[in-house]
């Protein structure tokens, strides 16, 4: 039997159409680590039976959880399979709309109902995580590095030696070098002026940023079996949103040289912002993050020694205010109305040419 070696471990994913039903993977995920695991509740004996030791325990309900850390890349299509993290973004946000101009417009779905299969070839066996919801997501980037994603999953079940995906499904995935979204290939725009869309004059230099989404899903819940398809009472029922989702954005300027954002915090000024990544080898490949309505929570440039003073600006993201609604996707016709939107633009030949599925 082969040893499990990280450099040979592979991961694929695909959107599911029915809860509890695994599907064949179509996207190779450019991941760097994962912590997906399955567990079960251990029901210890509590009855007093005249001895100090415990008799056997029983196995209770089952659950799975874990994170996947990903390098964010520009989508590459080879035939009908892909190298990308698009699937995870779609599951986290909920809605994908194909623009015939070659992009997937990802927006936040109120009644989140996107989930999928993750398969991991660990060489010893292939593991499958079935009906994975994204509990939370964090995207981040250092200017000196590249964009990374951390996705926290809530699967329905995990299977060792998965029944759906086998070696052939991994062999079919594209084995090509990814083009990563590098910090130096990005531009950051921000403004409190809503008279028009963000433009060249709204660029500012930042050293890092992070965007986090908490979907506020129900924790694993268990019921007796019922007629709608829940036939195994040791597995959790399908999660749903259980409160307001929360979106936070933070960015750092390497030098504190103006009070723009401190004043913005004091006056509760609204801002709009976007981040544009462009593949230098193919300008048709872009990833654009839109944030139509930010409010600043914190931006205190504290002195920490004799050197230069940076300033970190922490914000909350809100629904677009119709008073200030000037932010559209690249088609200049579809407004970004949720807390944020992501547009994945692909080369018509080498990238995705239809909605994520």
Protein backbone atom coordinates (compact mmCIF):
# COMPACT_ATOMS: atom_id res chain seq x y z
CA UNK A 1 0.00 0.00 0.00
CA UNK A 2 1.31 3.46 -0.93
CA UNK A 3 2.23 6.05 1.69
CA UNK A 4 0.22 9.25 1.73
CA UNK A 5 2.47 12.13 0.62
CA UNK A 6 1.19 15.69 0.46
CA UNK A 7 2.82 16.53 -2.87
CA UNK A 8 0.91 13.66 -4.50
CA UNK A 9 -2.43 14.31 -2.79
CA UNK A 10 -5.10 15.66 -5.11
CA UNK A 11 -8.43 17.41 -4.62
CA UNK A 12 -11.43 17.89 -6.88
CA UNK A 13 -14.90 19.34 -6.44
CA UNK A 14 -18.23 19.93 -8.12
CA UNK A 15 -21.63 21.45 -7.36
CA UNK A 16 -24.33 18.93 -6.40
CA UNK A 17 -27.92 19.10 -7.59
CA UNK A 18 -29.42 17.01 -4.78
CA UNK A 19 -28.56 17.03 -1.07
CA UNK A 20 -26.87 13.82 0.18
CA UNK A 21 -25.93 12.71 -3.35
CA UNK A 22 -22.25 12.77 -4.40
CA UNK A 23 -21.30 13.74 -7.97
CA UNK A 24 -18.26 13.27 -10.22
CA UNK A 25 -15.69 16.03 -9.74
CA UNK A 26 -14.96 18.47 -12.58
CA UNK A 27 -12.63 21.07 -10.99
CA UNK A 28 -9.12 20.43 -9.72
CA UNK A 29 -8.73 22.57 -6.60
CA UNK A 30 -5.33 24.32 -6.16
CA UNK A 31 -5.29 23.68 -2.42
CA UNK A 32 -2.35 23.90 -0.01
CA UNK A 33 -3.81 22.06 2.99
CA UNK A 34 -7.05 20.59 4.32
CA UNK A 35 -8.41 19.51 7.70
CA UNK A 36 -11.66 17.76 6.68
CA UNK A 37 -12.53 15.01 9.12
CA UNK A 38 -15.43 12.89 10.29
CA UNK A 39 -16.35 12.23 13.90
CA UNK A 40 -19.10 10.63 15.94
CA UNK A 41 -20.62 11.33 19.29
CA UNK A 42 -19.57 8.89 22.01
CA UNK A 43 -22.35 8.21 24.53
CA UNK A 44 -20.69 7.20 27.76
CA UNK A 45 -22.46 5.04 30.28
CA UNK A 46 -23.61 6.98 33.35
CA UNK A 47 -25.56 4.33 35.26
CA UNK A 48 -24.16 3.36 38.67
CA UNK A 49 -23.55 -0.39 38.51
CA UNK A 50 -21.38 -1.07 41.53
CA UNK A 51 -18.01 -0.80 39.78
CA UNK A 52 -15.61 2.11 39.24
CA UNK A 53 -14.84 1.21 35.64
CA UNK A 54 -16.96 1.95 32.60
CA UNK A 55 -18.58 -0.61 30.38
CA UNK A 56 -18.70 -0.09 26.62
CA UNK A 57 -19.99 3.23 25.23
CA UNK A 58 -22.41 3.65 22.35
CA UNK A 59 -21.89 5.52 19.09
CA UNK A 60 -24.24 8.47 18.72
CA UNK A 61 -24.71 10.94 15.89
CA UNK A 62 -22.11 11.54 13.18
CA UNK A 63 -20.72 14.81 11.88
CA UNK A 64 -17.96 16.19 9.65
CA UNK A 65 -16.12 19.50 9.49
CA UNK A 66 -12.91 21.18 8.44
CA UNK A 67 -11.11 23.81 6.38
CA UNK A 68 -9.54 23.88 2.95
CA UNK A 69 -6.78 26.41 2.23
CA UNK A 70 -6.55 27.40 -1.42
CA UNK A 71 -4.33 29.39 -3.75
CA UNK A 72 -6.69 31.59 -5.78
CA UNK A 73 -5.96 31.24 -9.50
CA UNK A 74 -7.32 32.38 -12.84
CA UNK A 75 -9.66 29.70 -14.20
CA UNK A 76 -8.20 27.29 -16.75
CA UNK A 77 -10.41 24.96 -18.81
CA UNK A 78 -9.14 21.82 -20.52
CA UNK A 79 -11.99 20.18 -22.39
CA UNK A 80 -14.91 20.14 -19.98
CA UNK A 81 -12.87 20.14 -16.74
CA UNK A 82 -11.17 22.97 -14.91
CA UNK A 83 -8.36 24.12 -12.66
CA UNK A 84 -9.90 26.71 -10.34
CA UNK A 85 -11.38 27.55 -6.96
CA UNK A 86 -14.58 28.84 -8.62
CA UNK A 87 -16.69 26.05 -7.13
CA UNK A 88 -15.87 27.04 -3.55
CA UNK A 89 -16.62 30.72 -4.21
CA UNK A 90 -19.95 29.75 -5.78
CA UNK A 91 -20.97 27.52 -2.86
CA UNK A 92 -20.04 30.26 -0.37
CA UNK A 93 -21.99 32.99 -2.16
CA UNK A 94 -24.90 31.10 -3.70
CA UNK A 95 -25.67 32.72 -7.06
CA UNK A 96 -23.74 32.58 -10.34
CA UNK A 97 -24.94 34.43 -13.44
CA UNK A 98 -23.24 33.97 -16.79
CA UNK A 99 -22.57 37.14 -18.74
CA UNK A 100 -22.10 36.41 -22.44
CA UNK A 101 -19.12 38.74 -22.37
CA UNK A 102 -17.21 35.82 -20.74
CA UNK A 103 -17.72 36.19 -17.00
CA UNK A 104 -19.38 34.54 -14.03
CA UNK A 105 -20.99 37.15 -11.79
CA UNK A 106 -21.12 35.76 -8.24
CA UNK A 107 -23.56 37.33 -5.79
CA UNK A 108 -24.84 36.50 -2.32
CA UNK A 109 -27.97 34.34 -2.07
CA UNK A 110 -30.30 35.07 0.84
CA UNK A 111 -31.62 31.52 1.15
CA UNK A 112 -28.25 29.83 0.68
CA UNK A 113 -28.73 26.52 -1.12
CA UNK A 114 -25.42 25.70 -2.79
CA UNK A 115 -23.33 22.71 -1.77
CA UNK A 116 -21.11 20.18 -3.42
CA UNK A 117 -18.85 17.15 -3.38
CA UNK A 118 -15.18 17.37 -2.42
CA UNK A 119 -13.02 14.35 -3.24
CA UNK A 120 -9.46 13.95 -1.93
CA UNK A 121 -7.07 11.36 -3.30
CA UNK A 122 -4.81 10.61 -0.32
CA UNK A 123 -3.05 7.79 -2.23
CA UNK A 124 -4.07 5.25 0.40
CA UNK A 125 -7.76 5.78 -0.36
CA UNK A 126 -10.00 8.43 -1.91
CA UNK A 127 -12.07 10.34 0.63
CA UNK A 128 -15.34 12.05 -0.27
CA UNK A 129 -17.03 14.87 1.63
CA UNK A 130 -20.66 14.97 0.52
CA UNK A 131 -23.04 17.95 0.38
CA UNK A 132 -20.54 20.46 1.72
CA UNK A 133 -21.93 23.84 2.70
CA UNK A 134 -19.50 26.75 3.20
CA UNK A 135 -19.94 28.03 6.75
CA UNK A 136 -17.43 30.82 6.27
CA UNK A 137 -14.85 32.10 3.81
CA UNK A 138 -11.88 34.44 4.05
CA UNK A 139 -10.02 35.83 1.04
CA UNK A 140 -6.77 37.69 1.66
CA UNK A 141 -3.72 39.00 -0.15
CA UNK A 142 -0.36 40.55 0.66
CA UNK A 143 1.06 42.77 -2.05
CA UNK A 144 4.25 40.70 -1.81
CA UNK A 145 2.32 37.42 -2.12
CA UNK A 146 -0.79 36.12 -3.83
CA UNK A 147 -4.48 35.82 -3.05
CA UNK A 148 -5.40 32.97 -0.73
CA UNK A 149 -8.73 31.54 0.34
CA UNK A 150 -9.73 29.73 3.51
CA UNK A 151 -13.05 27.88 3.30
CA UNK A 152 -14.68 26.31 6.36
CA UNK A 153 -17.04 23.49 5.40
CA UNK A 154 -20.04 21.80 6.99
CA UNK A 155 -20.44 18.47 5.11
CA UNK A 156 -23.37 16.12 5.43
CA UNK A 157 -21.09 13.08 5.53
CA UNK A 158 -17.57 11.88 4.80
CA UNK A 159 -16.84 8.54 3.18
CA UNK A 160 -13.52 6.73 3.13
CA UNK A 161 -13.01 4.95 -0.18
CA UNK A 162 -15.70 7.04 -1.79
CA UNK A 163 -18.20 5.25 -3.96
CA UNK A 164 -18.61 7.99 -6.59
CA UNK A 165 -15.14 9.30 -7.39
CA UNK A 166 -12.32 6.94 -8.28
CA UNK A 167 -8.84 7.26 -9.79
CA UNK A 168 -10.27 7.85 -13.27
CA UNK A 169 -12.07 11.03 -12.15
CA UNK A 170 -8.78 12.50 -10.91
CA UNK A 171 -6.90 11.43 -14.04
CA UNK A 172 -9.42 13.36 -16.14
CA UNK A 173 -8.78 16.66 -14.33
CA UNK A 174 -6.45 19.19 -16.00
CA UNK A 175 -2.80 18.78 -15.10
CA UNK A 176 -1.58 22.26 -16.01
CA UNK A 177 0.37 25.00 -14.29
CA UNK A 178 -1.96 27.49 -12.57
CA UNK A 179 -1.74 31.23 -13.06
CA UNK A 180 -2.12 32.58 -9.54
CA UNK A 181 -3.72 35.88 -8.57
CA UNK A 182 -0.61 37.77 -7.45
CA UNK A 183 -0.73 40.86 -5.27
CA UNK A 184 1.45 42.91 -7.60
CA UNK A 185 -1.02 42.27 -10.42
CA UNK A 186 -3.88 43.88 -8.48
CA UNK A 187 -5.26 47.41 -8.16
CA UNK A 188 -7.27 48.69 -5.20
CA UNK A 189 -9.86 51.44 -5.63
CA UNK A 190 -11.79 53.21 -2.87
CA UNK A 191 -13.78 56.45 -2.63
CA UNK A 192 -16.45 58.19 -0.61
CA UNK A 193 -17.61 59.95 -3.79
CA UNK A 194 -20.68 58.19 -5.21
CA UNK A 195 -21.32 60.62 -8.04
CA UNK A 196 -19.82 58.12 -10.49
CA UNK A 197 -18.12 54.74 -10.71
CA UNK A 198 -14.64 54.11 -9.32
CA UNK A 199 -11.92 55.24 -11.73
CA UNK A 200 -8.20 55.88 -12.06
CA UNK A 201 -8.23 58.75 -9.56
CA UNK A 202 -9.59 56.43 -6.85
CA UNK A 203 -6.59 54.09 -6.80
CA UNK A 204 -4.64 53.90 -3.54
CA UNK A 205 -1.63 51.86 -2.53
CA UNK A 206 -2.19 49.23 0.16
CA UNK A 207 0.05 46.47 1.49
CA UNK A 208 -2.58 43.84 2.32
CA UNK A 209 -6.31 43.19 2.61
CA UNK A 210 -8.77 40.54 3.77
CA UNK A 211 -12.47 39.92 3.08
CA UNK A 212 -14.44 37.57 5.30
CA UNK A 213 -17.94 36.09 4.98
CA UNK A 214 -19.77 34.30 7.79
CA UNK A 215 -22.90 32.63 6.42
CA UNK A 216 -24.41 32.11 9.91
CA UNK A 217 -25.63 28.58 9.15
CA UNK A 218 -27.33 26.37 11.67
CA UNK A 219 -25.03 24.02 13.53
CA UNK A 220 -25.48 20.30 12.88
CA UNK A 221 -29.04 19.36 13.89
CA UNK A 222 -30.52 15.88 14.17
CA UNK A 223 -34.06 14.54 13.97
CA UNK A 224 -35.82 11.25 13.56
CA UNK A 225 -36.30 10.11 9.96
CA UNK A 226 -39.00 11.70 7.84
CA UNK A 227 -40.50 11.51 4.37
CA UNK A 228 -38.59 14.30 2.60
CA UNK A 229 -35.41 12.25 2.20
CA UNK A 230 -33.87 12.35 5.67
CA UNK A 231 -33.68 8.60 6.17
CA UNK A 232 -30.63 8.22 8.44
CA UNK A 233 -31.17 9.80 11.83
CA UNK A 234 -27.48 9.61 12.82
CA UNK A 235 -26.62 12.17 10.11
CA UNK A 236 -27.52 15.89 10.29
CA UNK A 237 -30.43 17.49 8.49
CA UNK A 238 -29.75 20.05 5.77
CA UNK A 239 -28.43 23.34 7.23
CA UNK A 240 -30.08 26.69 6.58
CA UNK A 241 -29.17 30.29 7.23
CA UNK A 242 -29.79 31.11 10.88
CA UNK A 243 -29.34 34.87 11.10
CA UNK A 244 -27.85 37.83 9.26
CA UNK A 245 -24.73 36.94 7.30
CA UNK A 246 -21.72 39.04 8.28
CA UNK A 247 -19.19 40.51 5.85
CA UNK A 248 -16.02 42.27 7.00
CA UNK A 249 -13.25 43.94 5.01
CA UNK A 250 -9.87 45.13 6.23
CA UNK A 251 -6.95 46.79 4.46
CA UNK A 252 -3.62 48.26 5.48
CA UNK A 253 -1.81 51.32 4.17
CA UNK A 254 1.93 51.00 4.89
CA UNK A 255 2.20 54.65 5.89
CA UNK A 256 -0.12 56.83 7.97
CA UNK A 257 -0.07 60.11 6.02
CA UNK A 258 -3.65 61.44 6.11
CA UNK A 259 -6.80 61.32 8.26
CA UNK A 260 -9.16 60.34 5.44
CA UNK A 261 -10.33 57.11 7.06
CA UNK A 262 -10.24 58.39 10.63
CA UNK A 263 -12.56 61.20 9.56
CA UNK A 264 -14.65 58.65 7.69
CA UNK A 265 -15.05 56.63 10.87
CA UNK A 266 -15.99 59.67 12.97
CA UNK A 267 -18.55 60.88 10.40
CA UNK A 268 -19.85 57.39 9.55
CA UNK A 269 -19.04 58.11 5.90
CA UNK A 270 -20.01 55.47 3.32
CA UNK A 271 -17.30 54.24 0.94
CA UNK A 272 -17.30 52.09 -2.18
CA UNK A 273 -14.32 49.90 -3.11
CA UNK A 274 -13.13 47.25 -5.53
CA UNK A 275 -10.07 45.09 -6.13
CA UNK A 276 -9.05 44.10 -9.67
CA UNK A 277 -6.65 41.24 -10.41
CA UNK A 278 -5.46 40.93 -14.02
CA UNK A 279 -3.42 38.03 -15.37
CA UNK A 280 -0.29 39.60 -16.94
CA UNK A 281 -0.02 36.71 -19.39
CA UNK A 282 -3.61 37.15 -20.61
CA UNK A 283 -5.49 40.35 -19.80
CA UNK A 284 -8.82 38.63 -20.55
CA UNK A 285 -8.37 36.72 -17.27
CA UNK A 286 -9.49 38.83 -14.33
CA UNK A 287 -10.91 38.43 -10.85
CA UNK A 288 -12.76 41.52 -9.59
CA UNK A 289 -14.13 41.97 -6.07
CA UNK A 290 -16.81 44.67 -5.73
CA UNK A 291 -17.90 46.25 -2.43
CA UNK A 292 -20.62 48.85 -2.99
CA UNK A 293 -21.12 50.03 0.60
CA UNK A 294 -18.49 50.09 3.36
CA UNK A 295 -18.57 51.75 6.77
CA UNK A 296 -15.41 52.06 8.86
CA UNK A 297 -15.33 50.41 12.29
CA UNK A 298 -11.73 50.99 13.33
CA UNK A 299 -8.62 52.76 11.99
CA UNK A 300 -6.29 53.75 14.82
CA UNK A 301 -2.67 54.28 13.66
CA UNK A 302 -0.91 53.32 16.90
CA UNK A 303 2.80 54.06 17.34
CA UNK A 304 4.74 50.85 17.86
CA UNK A 305 8.38 51.89 18.07
CA UNK A 306 10.66 54.30 16.22
CA UNK A 307 9.78 53.26 12.65
CA UNK A 308 7.17 54.24 10.12
CA UNK A 309 3.53 54.06 11.26
CA UNK A 310 1.10 52.01 9.17
CA UNK A 311 -2.68 52.29 9.40
CA UNK A 312 -5.13 49.40 9.23
CA UNK A 313 -8.74 50.16 8.30
CA UNK A 314 -11.43 47.69 9.44
CA UNK A 315 -14.84 47.91 7.79
CA UNK A 316 -18.26 46.30 7.70
CA UNK A 317 -19.85 45.64 4.32
CA UNK A 318 -23.53 46.41 3.78
CA UNK A 319 -26.16 46.12 1.09
CA UNK A 320 -25.85 48.78 -1.57
CA UNK A 321 -27.66 51.97 -0.59
CA UNK A 322 -29.91 52.98 -3.48
CA UNK A 323 -28.93 56.57 -2.76
CA UNK A 324 -25.37 55.73 -3.77
CA UNK A 325 -25.95 52.89 -6.25
CA UNK A 326 -23.26 53.44 -8.91
CA UNK A 327 -21.42 50.09 -8.88
CA UNK A 328 -21.97 47.62 -11.72
CA UNK A 329 -20.32 44.44 -12.87
CA UNK A 330 -18.09 44.68 -15.93
CA UNK A 331 -21.10 44.58 -18.26
CA UNK A 332 -21.98 48.09 -16.98
CA UNK A 333 -25.60 46.96 -16.73
CA UNK A 334 -25.87 44.59 -13.75
CA UNK A 335 -25.73 46.41 -10.41
CA UNK A 336 -23.85 44.98 -7.43
CA UNK A 337 -26.54 45.26 -4.76
CA UNK A 338 -25.39 42.78 -2.08
CA UNK A 339 -22.56 43.33 0.41
CA UNK A 340 -20.03 42.26 -2.20
CA UNK A 341 -19.84 40.57 -5.57
CA UNK A 342 -17.08 38.67 -7.34
CA UNK A 343 -16.63 38.57 -11.08
CA UNK A 344 -14.54 35.80 -12.63
CA UNK A 345 -13.61 36.80 -16.17
CA UNK A 346 -12.03 34.16 -18.40
CA UNK A 347 -10.36 34.00 -21.76
CA UNK A 348 -12.90 32.63 -24.22
CA UNK A 349 -10.48 29.94 -25.39
CA UNK A 350 -8.63 28.87 -22.23
CA UNK A 351 -11.16 29.72 -19.51
CA UNK A 352 -14.65 28.81 -18.42
CA UNK A 353 -17.22 29.49 -21.14
CA UNK A 354 -20.46 28.96 -19.23
CA UNK A 355 -21.97 29.33 -15.79
CA UNK A 356 -20.26 27.37 -13.00
CA UNK A 357 -21.94 23.99 -12.59
